Amino acid sequence: MFTHHHFQDLLRSQRVWDTKLPAFDPATAPQAPLPLFHQWFEEAVAAGQTEPHTMSLATVDEDGLPDVRTLMLHDADEHGWHFASHATSAKGRHLAAHPYAALGFYWPARGRQVRVRGRVTTGTPAESRADLHARSTGALASALVGRQSEILPEYEELVRASEAAWERAQAEPDADVPTWTLYVVEPDEVEFFQGDERRRHVRLRYRREGEAWVRELLWP
């Protein structure tokens, strides 16, 4: 029988960063966070990190209560960190009420985390359509199903809707989904965390001051 004691033993037996970790000298970091993010992402991919483009997105709801979920990064450029969803989804409603968010990336293959915080803006309808149609047929079919976060009476209803959406996505690859929205987190803070086997972790935070970035080391 699975007991809480067994769970604790199992939990405490898990190893952390069971690999040789890279060194990170913050003195060599660039003046802005985006080039370092691009570099770390490329190194995570090269290290074989599974799904390095997935990230946690934290928002607050209309009552100010926090929520978090995992989704995919669509881009990271001079405007910010991009993701997309339905404006009618839970996250879309949260961002309409409180247009601020935090992102979290975790790449254990390198012992690294990246955290991004800032205001969230939306792309234009044309940018949102371009984002949707740059993705796979499956992504379009999922978007065509819609109704994200609504109550689903029975699973079979999803199956029927999904099959119809797949047929439409294959027949109409340019089909529009009016609720599909591109979101951009415009960063006020970006923190890079490099793990260390002796727990002397390196935390480098970029904090925006006007048009410039201030770099600060933080205690781990």
C-alpha atoms as a PDB file:
ATOM      1  CA  MET A   1       0.000   0.000   0.000  1.00  0.00           C
ATOM      2  CA  PHE A   2       1.318   3.433  -0.949  1.00  0.00           C
ATOM      3  CA  THR A   3       1.715   5.508   2.237  1.00  0.00           C
ATOM      4  CA  HIS A   4       2.705   9.086   2.922  1.00  0.00           C
ATOM      5  CA  HIS A   5       5.964   7.833   4.442  1.00  0.00           C
ATOM      6  CA  HIS A   6       6.712   5.993   1.204  1.00  0.00           C
ATOM      7  CA  PHE A   7       5.976   9.164  -0.745  1.00  0.00           C
ATOM      8  CA  GLN A   8       8.397  11.147   1.440  1.00  0.00           C
ATOM      9  CA  ASP A   9      11.134   8.541   0.955  1.00  0.00           C
ATOM     10  CA  LEU A  10      10.540   8.582  -2.786  1.00  0.00           C
ATOM     11  CA  LEU A  11      10.551  12.376  -2.870  1.00  0.00           C
ATOM     12  CA  ARG A  12      13.793  12.707  -0.899  1.00  0.00           C
ATOM     13  CA  SER A  13      15.569  10.053  -2.949  1.00  0.00           C
ATOM     14  CA  GLN A  14      15.321  12.084  -6.160  1.00  0.00           C
ATOM     15  CA  ARG A  15      18.580  13.517  -7.380  1.00  0.00           C
ATOM     16  CA  VAL A  16      18.991  17.127  -8.483  1.00  0.00           C
ATOM     17  CA  TRP A  17      21.116  18.026 -11.509  1.00  0.00           C
ATOM     18  CA  ASP A  18      22.573  14.562 -11.949  1.00  0.00           C
ATOM     19  CA  THR A  19      25.085  15.940 -14.436  1.00  0.00           C
ATOM     20  CA  LYS A  20      28.141  18.177 -14.513  1.00  0.00           C
ATOM     21  CA  LEU A  21      26.951  21.780 -14.383  1.00  0.00           C
ATOM     22  CA  PRO A  22      28.490  24.553 -16.479  1.00  0.00           C
ATOM     23  CA  ALA A  23      30.192  27.569 -14.972  1.00  0.00           C
ATOM     24  CA  PHE A  24      28.650  30.992 -15.423  1.00  0.00           C
ATOM     25  CA  ASP A  25      30.640  34.169 -14.901  1.00  0.00           C
ATOM     26  CA  PRO A  26      28.132  37.055 -14.643  1.00  0.00           C
ATOM     27  CA  ALA A  27      30.921  39.520 -15.423  1.00  0.00           C
ATOM     28  CA  THR A  28      30.864  38.223 -19.002  1.00  0.00           C
ATOM     29  CA  ALA A  29      27.101  38.682 -19.398  1.00  0.00           C
ATOM     30  CA  PRO A  30      25.839  41.116 -22.050  1.00  0.00           C
ATOM     31  CA  GLN A  31      24.344  44.486 -21.163  1.00  0.00           C
ATOM     32  CA  ALA A  32      20.786  43.378 -22.017  1.00  0.00           C
ATOM     33  CA  PRO A  33      19.012  40.111 -21.134  1.00  0.00           C
ATOM     34  CA  LEU A  34      17.760  39.031 -24.568  1.00  0.00           C
ATOM     35  CA  PRO A  35      21.133  37.924 -26.035  1.00  0.00           C
ATOM     36  CA  LEU A  36      21.855  35.886 -22.908  1.00  0.00           C
ATOM     37  CA  PHE A  37      18.424  34.245 -23.100  1.00  0.00           C
ATOM     38  CA  HIS A  38      19.039  33.310 -26.737  1.00  0.00           C
ATOM     39  CA  GLN A  39      22.445  31.867 -25.805  1.00  0.00           C
ATOM     40  CA  TRP A  40      21.099  29.862 -22.866  1.00  0.00           C
ATOM     41  CA  PHE A  41      18.210  28.549 -24.949  1.00  0.00           C
ATOM     42  CA  GLU A  42      20.592  27.383 -27.675  1.00  0.00           C
ATOM     43  CA  GLU A  43      22.792  25.687 -25.076  1.00  0.00           C
ATOM     44  CA  ALA A  44      19.758  23.965 -23.507  1.00  0.00           C
ATOM     45  CA  VAL A  45      18.808  22.580 -26.927  1.00  0.00           C
ATOM     46  CA  ALA A  46      22.399  21.416 -27.542  1.00  0.00           C
ATOM     47  CA  ALA A  47      22.413  19.697 -24.129  1.00  0.00           C
ATOM     48  CA  GLY A  48      19.372  17.633 -25.117  1.00  0.00           C
ATOM     49  CA  GLN A  49      16.927  19.407 -22.831  1.00  0.00           C
ATOM     50  CA  THR A  50      13.418  18.039 -23.402  1.00  0.00           C
ATOM     51  CA  GLU A  51      10.960  20.690 -24.612  1.00  0.00           C
ATOM     52  CA  PRO A  52      13.127  23.704 -23.750  1.00  0.00           C
ATOM     53  CA  HIS A  53      10.497  25.995 -25.274  1.00  0.00           C
ATOM     54  CA  THR A  54       7.956  25.176 -22.575  1.00  0.00           C
ATOM     55  CA  MET A  55       7.524  27.671 -19.755  1.00  0.00           C
ATOM     56  CA  SER A  56       5.322  28.411 -16.764  1.00  0.00           C
ATOM     57  CA  LEU A  57       3.020  31.405 -17.082  1.00  0.00           C
ATOM     58  CA  ALA A  58       1.755  33.010 -13.873  1.00  0.00           C
ATOM     59  CA  THR A  59      -1.176  35.420 -13.867  1.00  0.00           C
ATOM     60  CA  VAL A  60      -3.685  36.703 -11.329  1.00  0.00           C
ATOM     61  CA  ASP A  61      -7.431  36.472 -11.755  1.00  0.00           C
ATOM     62  CA  GLU A  62     -10.074  39.148 -11.409  1.00  0.00           C
ATOM     63  CA  ASP A  63      -9.909  38.793  -7.604  1.00  0.00           C
ATOM     64  CA  GLY A  64      -6.116  39.037  -7.494  1.00  0.00           C
ATOM     65  CA  LEU A  65      -5.599  35.311  -6.819  1.00  0.00           C
ATOM     66  CA  PRO A  66      -2.620  33.658  -8.529  1.00  0.00           C
ATOM     67  CA  ASP A  67      -2.769  30.978 -11.193  1.00  0.00           C
ATOM     68  CA  VAL A  68      -0.084  29.165 -13.188  1.00  0.00           C
ATOM     69  CA  ARG A  69       0.118  26.817 -16.151  1.00  0.00           C
ATOM     70  CA  THR A  70       2.666  25.465 -18.645  1.00  0.00           C
ATOM     71  CA  LEU A  71       2.632  26.534 -22.288  1.00  0.00           C
ATOM     72  CA  MET A  72       4.985  27.157 -25.201  1.00  0.00           C
ATOM     73  CA  LEU A  73       7.144  30.150 -25.981  1.00  0.00           C
ATOM     74  CA  HIS A  74       6.451  31.444 -29.497  1.00  0.00           C
ATOM     75  CA  ASP A  75       9.243  33.998 -29.775  1.00  0.00           C
ATOM     76  CA  ALA A  76      11.638  36.206 -27.819  1.00  0.00           C
ATOM     77  CA  ASP A  77      12.707  39.434 -29.490  1.00  0.00           C
ATOM     78  CA  GLU A  78      13.289  43.115 -28.782  1.00  0.00           C
ATOM     79  CA  HIS A  79       9.580  43.505 -27.967  1.00  0.00           C
ATOM     80  CA  GLY A  80       9.524  40.776 -25.331  1.00  0.00           C
ATOM     81  CA  TRP A  81       8.601  37.138 -24.746  1.00  0.00           C
ATOM     82  CA  HIS A  82       5.686  35.919 -26.922  1.00  0.00           C
ATOM     83  CA  PHE A  83       2.961  33.354 -26.312  1.00  0.00           C
ATOM     84  CA  ALA A  84      -0.606  32.951 -27.561  1.00  0.00           C
ATOM     85  CA  SER A  85      -4.005  31.773 -26.411  1.00  0.00           C
ATOM     86  CA  HIS A  86      -7.694  32.488 -26.771  1.00  0.00           C
ATOM     87  CA  ALA A  87      -8.747  35.860 -25.378  1.00  0.00           C
ATOM     88  CA  THR A  88     -11.722  33.984 -23.906  1.00  0.00           C
ATOM     89  CA  SER A  89      -9.549  31.486 -21.992  1.00  0.00           C
ATOM     90  CA  ALA A  90      -8.872  31.787 -18.270  1.00  0.00           C
ATOM     91  CA  LYS A  91      -5.440  33.277 -18.905  1.00  0.00           C
ATOM     92  CA  GLY A  92      -6.915  35.654 -21.474  1.00  0.00           C
ATOM     93  CA  ARG A  93      -9.513  36.893 -18.998  1.00  0.00           C
ATOM     94  CA  HIS A  94      -6.863  37.260 -16.296  1.00  0.00           C
ATOM     95  CA  LEU A  95      -4.643  39.335 -18.565  1.00  0.00           C
ATOM     96  CA  ALA A  96      -7.559  41.521 -19.635  1.00  0.00           C
ATOM     97  CA  ALA A  97      -8.186  42.364 -15.973  1.00  0.00           C
ATOM     98  CA  HIS A  98      -4.534  42.523 -14.852  1.00  0.00           C
ATOM     99  CA  PRO A  99      -2.119  42.855 -17.807  1.00  0.00           C
ATOM    100  CA  TYR A 100       0.985  41.677 -15.965  1.00  0.00           C
ATOM    101  CA  ALA A 101       2.570  38.243 -15.899  1.00  0.00           C
ATOM    102  CA  ALA A 102       5.614  36.217 -14.912  1.00  0.00           C
ATOM    103  CA  LEU A 103       7.313  33.485 -16.937  1.00  0.00           C
ATOM    104  CA  GLY A 104       9.530  30.696 -15.676  1.00  0.00           C
ATOM    105  CA  PHE A 105      11.872  28.482 -17.711  1.00  0.00           C
ATOM    106  CA  TYR A 106      13.630  25.477 -16.153  1.00  0.00           C
ATOM    107  CA  TRP A 107      16.388  23.636 -17.986  1.00  0.00           C
ATOM    108  CA  PRO A 108      17.725  20.927 -15.622  1.00  0.00           C
ATOM    109  CA  ALA A 109      20.108  19.602 -18.286  1.00  0.00           C
ATOM    110  CA  ARG A 110      22.125  22.764 -17.606  1.00  0.00           C
ATOM    111  CA  GLY A 111      20.968  23.468 -14.038  1.00  0.00           C
ATOM    112  CA  ARG A 112      19.458  26.735 -15.211  1.00  0.00           C
ATOM    113  CA  GLN A 113      16.336  28.809 -14.718  1.00  0.00           C
ATOM    114  CA  VAL A 114      15.184  32.044 -16.315  1.00  0.00           C
ATOM    115  CA  ARG A 115      12.448  34.228 -14.837  1.00  0.00           C
ATOM    116  CA  VAL A 116      10.737  37.077 -16.680  1.00  0.00           C
ATOM    117  CA  ARG A 117       8.320  39.625 -15.187  1.00  0.00           C
ATOM    118  CA  GLY A 118       6.544  42.515 -16.878  1.00  0.00           C
ATOM    119  CA  ARG A 119       3.536  44.125 -18.462  1.00  0.00           C
ATOM    120  CA  VAL A 120       1.637  42.153 -21.090  1.00  0.00           C
ATOM    121  CA  THR A 121       0.463  43.653 -24.364  1.00  0.00           C
ATOM    122  CA  THR A 122      -1.443  42.057 -27.229  1.00  0.00           C
ATOM    123  CA  GLY A 123      -0.433  41.796 -30.839  1.00  0.00           C
ATOM    124  CA  THR A 124      -2.548  43.154 -33.668  1.00  0.00           C
ATOM    125  CA  PRO A 125      -5.179  40.891 -35.280  1.00  0.00           C
ATOM    126  CA  ALA A 126      -2.802  40.430 -38.225  1.00  0.00           C
ATOM    127  CA  GLU A 127       0.062  39.431 -35.908  1.00  0.00           C
ATOM    128  CA  SER A 128      -2.212  37.005 -34.046  1.00  0.00           C
ATOM    129  CA  ARG A 129      -3.339  35.394 -37.326  1.00  0.00           C
ATOM    130  CA  ALA A 130       0.275  35.116 -38.490  1.00  0.00           C
ATOM    131  CA  ASP A 131       1.228  33.453 -35.210  1.00  0.00           C
ATOM    132  CA  LEU A 132      -1.565  30.902 -35.530  1.00  0.00           C
ATOM    133  CA  HIS A 133      -0.845  30.006 -39.139  1.00  0.00           C
ATOM    134  CA  ALA A 134       2.889  29.667 -38.561  1.00  0.00           C
ATOM    135  CA  ARG A 135       2.137  26.630 -36.406  1.00  0.00           C
ATOM    136  CA  SER A 136       1.082  23.045 -37.178  1.00  0.00           C
ATOM    137  CA  THR A 137      -2.220  21.693 -38.459  1.00  0.00           C
ATOM    138  CA  GLY A 138      -2.798  20.230 -35.012  1.00  0.00           C
ATOM    139  CA  ALA A 139      -2.324  23.636 -33.392  1.00  0.00           C
ATOM    140  CA  LEU A 140      -4.850  25.173 -35.797  1.00  0.00           C
ATOM    141  CA  ALA A 141      -7.310  22.350 -35.139  1.00  0.00           C
ATOM    142  CA  SER A 142      -6.961  22.848 -31.390  1.00  0.00           C
ATOM    143  CA  ALA A 143      -7.559  26.583 -31.792  1.00  0.00           C
ATOM    144  CA  LEU A 144     -10.626  25.919 -33.941  1.00  0.00           C
ATOM    145  CA  VAL A 145     -12.100  23.752 -31.193  1.00  0.00           C
ATOM    146  CA  GLY A 146     -11.878  26.746 -28.849  1.00  0.00           C
ATOM    147  CA  ARG A 147     -13.942  26.862 -25.643  1.00  0.00           C
ATOM    148  CA  GLN A 148     -10.750  26.604 -23.569  1.00  0.00           C
ATOM    149  CA  SER A 149     -11.355  26.344 -19.794  1.00  0.00           C
ATOM    150  CA  GLU A 150     -15.129  25.937 -20.210  1.00  0.00           C
ATOM    151  CA  ILE A 151     -16.920  23.023 -18.527  1.00  0.00           C
ATOM    152  CA  LEU A 152     -16.850  19.878 -20.696  1.00  0.00           C
ATOM    153  CA  PRO A 153     -19.972  17.747 -20.045  1.00  0.00           C
ATOM    154  CA  GLU A 154     -18.421  14.560 -21.455  1.00  0.00           C
ATOM    155  CA  TYR A 155     -15.169  13.608 -23.180  1.00  0.00           C
ATOM    156  CA  GLU A 156     -16.979  12.317 -26.267  1.00  0.00           C
ATOM    157  CA  GLU A 157     -18.087  15.874 -27.010  1.00  0.00           C
ATOM    158  CA  LEU A 158     -14.428  16.917 -27.230  1.00  0.00           C
ATOM    159  CA  VAL A 159     -13.697  13.985 -29.550  1.00  0.00           C
ATOM    160  CA  ARG A 160     -16.466  15.027 -31.948  1.00  0.00           C
ATOM    161  CA  ALA A 161     -15.425  18.692 -31.905  1.00  0.00           C
ATOM    162  CA  SER A 162     -11.758  17.781 -32.398  1.00  0.00           C
ATOM    163  CA  GLU A 163     -12.475  15.530 -35.380  1.00  0.00           C
ATOM    164  CA  ALA A 164     -14.517  18.276 -37.047  1.00  0.00           C
ATOM    165  CA  ALA A 165     -11.785  20.831 -36.319  1.00  0.00           C
ATOM    166  CA  TRP A 166      -9.078  18.582 -37.807  1.00  0.00           C
ATOM    167  CA  GLU A 167     -11.109  18.178 -40.987  1.00  0.00           C
ATOM    168  CA  ARG A 168     -11.577  21.933 -41.269  1.00  0.00           C
ATOM    169  CA  ALA A 169      -7.902  22.679 -40.481  1.00  0.00           C
ATOM    170  CA  GLN A 170      -6.791  20.328 -43.253  1.00  0.00           C
ATOM    171  CA  ALA A 171      -9.325  21.734 -45.727  1.00  0.00           C
ATOM    172  CA  GLU A 172      -8.872  25.389 -44.736  1.00  0.00           C
ATOM    173  CA  PRO A 173      -5.274  25.923 -43.559  1.00  0.00           C
ATOM    174  CA  ASP A 174      -5.906  29.695 -43.515  1.00  0.00           C
ATOM    175  CA  ALA A 175      -9.058  29.437 -41.371  1.00  0.00           C
ATOM    176  CA  ASP A 176      -9.440  32.345 -38.978  1.00  0.00           C
ATOM    177  CA  VAL A 177      -9.932  32.047 -35.217  1.00  0.00           C
ATOM    178  CA  PRO A 178     -11.036  35.516 -34.035  1.00  0.00           C
ATOM    179  CA  THR A 179     -10.326  34.837 -30.352  1.00  0.00           C
ATOM    180  CA  TRP A 180      -6.722  33.707 -30.982  1.00  0.00           C
ATOM    181  CA  THR A 181      -4.476  36.370 -29.482  1.00  0.00           C
ATOM    182  CA  LEU A 182      -0.733  36.923 -29.472  1.00  0.00           C
ATOM    183  CA  TYR A 183       0.535  38.149 -26.096  1.00  0.00           C
ATOM    184  CA  VAL A 184       3.904  39.758 -25.402  1.00  0.00           C
ATOM    185  CA  VAL A 185       5.496  40.069 -21.962  1.00  0.00           C
ATOM    186  CA  GLU A 186       7.470  43.308 -22.033  1.00  0.00           C
ATOM    187  CA  PRO A 187      10.104  42.638 -19.369  1.00  0.00           C
ATOM    188  CA  ASP A 188      10.795  44.866 -16.385  1.00  0.00           C
ATOM    189  CA  GLU A 189      12.950  42.161 -14.785  1.00  0.00           C
ATOM    190  CA  VAL A 190      14.761  39.108 -16.156  1.00  0.00           C
ATOM    191  CA  GLU A 191      16.684  36.816 -13.816  1.00  0.00           C
ATOM    192  CA  PHE A 192      19.188  34.141 -14.844  1.00  0.00           C
ATOM    193  CA  PHE A 193      19.910  31.360 -12.341  1.00  0.00           C
ATOM    194  CA  GLN A 194      22.862  29.018 -12.719  1.00  0.00           C
ATOM    195  CA  GLY A 195      22.830  26.088 -10.325  1.00  0.00           C
ATOM    196  CA  ASP A 196      25.963  24.991  -8.495  1.00  0.00           C
ATOM    197  CA  GLU A 197      26.671  21.545  -7.026  1.00  0.00           C
ATOM    198  CA  ARG A 198      27.738  23.144  -3.718  1.00  0.00           C
ATOM    199  CA  ARG A 199      24.642  25.368  -3.698  1.00  0.00           C
ATOM    200  CA  ARG A 200      26.660  28.495  -4.484  1.00  0.00           C
ATOM    201  CA  HIS A 201      24.165  29.350  -7.167  1.00  0.00           C
ATOM    202  CA  VAL A 202      24.672  32.376  -9.393  1.00  0.00           C
ATOM    203  CA  ARG A 203      21.662  34.674  -9.724  1.00  0.00           C
ATOM    204  CA  LEU A 204      21.965  37.561 -12.142  1.00  0.00           C
ATOM    205  CA  ARG A 205      19.024  39.943 -12.382  1.00  0.00           C
ATOM    206  CA  TYR A 206      18.473  42.509 -15.117  1.00  0.00           C
ATOM    207  CA  ARG A 207      16.200  45.336 -13.958  1.00  0.00           C
ATOM    208  CA  ARG A 208      14.931  47.986 -16.320  1.00  0.00           C
ATOM    209  CA  GLU A 209      15.503  51.625 -15.421  1.00  0.00           C
ATOM    210  CA  GLY A 210      14.072  53.830 -18.157  1.00  0.00           C
ATOM    211  CA  GLU A 211      15.596  52.655 -21.422  1.00  0.00           C
ATOM    212  CA  ALA A 212      18.599  51.009 -19.751  1.00  0.00           C
ATOM    213  CA  TRP A 213      19.189  47.743 -17.901  1.00  0.00           C
ATOM    214  CA  VAL A 214      20.782  47.493 -14.466  1.00  0.00           C
ATOM    215  CA  ARG A 215      22.566  44.218 -13.674  1.00  0.00           C
ATOM    216  CA  GLU A 216      22.543  42.937 -10.087  1.00  0.00           C
ATOM    217  CA  LEU A 217      23.777  39.803  -8.355  1.00  0.00           C
ATOM    218  CA  LEU A 218      21.367  38.246  -5.830  1.00  0.00           C
ATOM    219  CA  TRP A 219      22.057  35.968  -2.889  1.00  0.00           C
ATOM    220  CA  PRO A 220      20.903  32.426  -3.718  1.00  0.00           C
END
